[in-house]
């Protein structure tokens, strides 16, 4: 499966980005828990979730910089 597009994250509002960040962090926690209990079926989801989290945090930081610069 392809990486999530950062353009999709840039189209989100600030509240939606924060919700997505929380959801992605919960997903990563659940994946770590599944890995610890040896129930993880799709280890590739770690990488996808980490990339998505990084993209969302980057977009949030970009939005923060653009509002503080204005």
C-alpha atoms as a PDB file:
ATOM      1  CA  UNK A   1       0.000   0.000   0.000  1.00  0.00           C
ATOM      2  CA  UNK A   2       1.247   3.483  -0.810  1.00  0.00           C
ATOM      3  CA  UNK A   3       2.304   6.035   1.744  1.00  0.00           C
ATOM      4  CA  UNK A   4      -0.346   8.465   2.922  1.00  0.00           C
ATOM      5  CA  UNK A   5      -0.203  11.677   0.924  1.00  0.00           C
ATOM      6  CA  UNK A   6       0.826  14.784   2.816  1.00  0.00           C
ATOM      7  CA  UNK A   7      -1.502  16.804   0.573  1.00  0.00           C
ATOM      8  CA  UNK A   8      -4.422  15.121   2.311  1.00  0.00           C
ATOM      9  CA  UNK A   9      -3.083  16.261   5.680  1.00  0.00           C
ATOM     10  CA  UNK A  10      -2.606  19.814   4.448  1.00  0.00           C
ATOM     11  CA  UNK A  11      -6.275  19.952   3.442  1.00  0.00           C
ATOM     12  CA  UNK A  12      -7.419  19.279   7.031  1.00  0.00           C
ATOM     13  CA  UNK A  13      -8.378  21.935   9.549  1.00  0.00           C
ATOM     14  CA  UNK A  14      -6.423  22.418  12.757  1.00  0.00           C
ATOM     15  CA  UNK A  15      -8.983  20.512  14.842  1.00  0.00           C
ATOM     16  CA  UNK A  16      -9.052  17.633  12.375  1.00  0.00           C
ATOM     17  CA  UNK A  17      -5.263  17.435  12.414  1.00  0.00           C
ATOM     18  CA  UNK A  18      -5.242  17.244  16.211  1.00  0.00           C
ATOM     19  CA  UNK A  19      -7.862  14.479  16.124  1.00  0.00           C
ATOM     20  CA  UNK A  20      -5.839  12.571  13.525  1.00  0.00           C
ATOM     21  CA  UNK A  21      -2.679  12.940  15.639  1.00  0.00           C
ATOM     22  CA  UNK A  22      -4.467  11.530  18.684  1.00  0.00           C
ATOM     23  CA  UNK A  23      -5.906   8.657  16.657  1.00  0.00           C
ATOM     24  CA  UNK A  24      -2.526   7.814  15.141  1.00  0.00           C
ATOM     25  CA  UNK A  25      -0.843   7.849  18.543  1.00  0.00           C
ATOM     26  CA  UNK A  26      -3.544   5.506  19.883  1.00  0.00           C
ATOM     27  CA  UNK A  27      -2.992   3.243  16.867  1.00  0.00           C
ATOM     28  CA  UNK A  28       0.753   3.129  17.543  1.00  0.00           C
ATOM     29  CA  UNK A  29       0.083   2.288  21.197  1.00  0.00           C
ATOM     30  CA  UNK A  30      -2.260  -0.521  20.178  1.00  0.00           C
ATOM     31  CA  UNK A  31       0.289  -1.842  17.688  1.00  0.00           C
ATOM     32  CA  UNK A  32       3.014  -1.872  20.356  1.00  0.00           C
ATOM     33  CA  UNK A  33       0.643  -3.673  22.713  1.00  0.00           C
ATOM     34  CA  UNK A  34      -0.189  -6.267  20.047  1.00  0.00           C
ATOM     35  CA  UNK A  35       3.502  -6.748  19.362  1.00  0.00           C
ATOM     36  CA  UNK A  36       4.245  -7.275  23.048  1.00  0.00           C
ATOM     37  CA  UNK A  37       1.517  -9.896  23.309  1.00  0.00           C
ATOM     38  CA  UNK A  38       2.607 -11.507  20.027  1.00  0.00           C
ATOM     39  CA  UNK A  39      -0.716 -10.861  18.294  1.00  0.00           C
ATOM     40  CA  UNK A  40       0.561  -8.429  15.668  1.00  0.00           C
ATOM     41  CA  UNK A  41      -0.476  -9.660  12.234  1.00  0.00           C
ATOM     42  CA  UNK A  42       0.585  -6.729  10.050  1.00  0.00           C
ATOM     43  CA  UNK A  43       3.916  -5.277  11.182  1.00  0.00           C
ATOM     44  CA  UNK A  44       4.023  -2.941   8.173  1.00  0.00           C
ATOM     45  CA  UNK A  45       1.339  -0.845   9.877  1.00  0.00           C
ATOM     46  CA  UNK A  46       4.027   0.488  12.263  1.00  0.00           C
ATOM     47  CA  UNK A  47       5.876   2.217   9.466  1.00  0.00           C
ATOM     48  CA  UNK A  48       2.722   3.602   7.883  1.00  0.00           C
ATOM     49  CA  UNK A  49       1.474   4.961  11.210  1.00  0.00           C
ATOM     50  CA  UNK A  50       4.832   6.559  12.063  1.00  0.00           C
ATOM     51  CA  UNK A  51       4.994   8.237   8.651  1.00  0.00           C
ATOM     52  CA  UNK A  52       1.417   9.486   8.988  1.00  0.00           C
ATOM     53  CA  UNK A  53       2.142  10.860  12.467  1.00  0.00           C
ATOM     54  CA  UNK A  54       5.244  12.664  11.206  1.00  0.00           C
ATOM     55  CA  UNK A  55       3.277  14.180   8.332  1.00  0.00           C
ATOM     56  CA  UNK A  56       0.513  15.396  10.630  1.00  0.00           C
ATOM     57  CA  UNK A  57       2.970  16.897  13.095  1.00  0.00           C
ATOM     58  CA  UNK A  58       4.794  18.623  10.239  1.00  0.00           C
ATOM     59  CA  UNK A  59       1.595  20.117   8.853  1.00  0.00           C
ATOM     60  CA  UNK A  60       0.539  21.265  12.328  1.00  0.00           C
ATOM     61  CA  UNK A  61       3.916  22.959  12.789  1.00  0.00           C
ATOM     62  CA  UNK A  62       3.658  24.597   9.346  1.00  0.00           C
ATOM     63  CA  UNK A  63       0.216  25.947  10.214  1.00  0.00           C
ATOM     64  CA  UNK A  64       1.466  27.210  13.551  1.00  0.00           C
ATOM     65  CA  UNK A  65       4.358  29.017  11.893  1.00  0.00           C
ATOM     66  CA  UNK A  66       2.147  30.587   9.236  1.00  0.00           C
ATOM     67  CA  UNK A  67      -0.324  31.926  11.818  1.00  0.00           C
ATOM     68  CA  UNK A  68       2.379  33.287  14.112  1.00  0.00           C
ATOM     69  CA  UNK A  69       4.241  34.923  11.198  1.00  0.00           C
ATOM     70  CA  UNK A  70       1.144  36.760   9.990  1.00  0.00           C
END
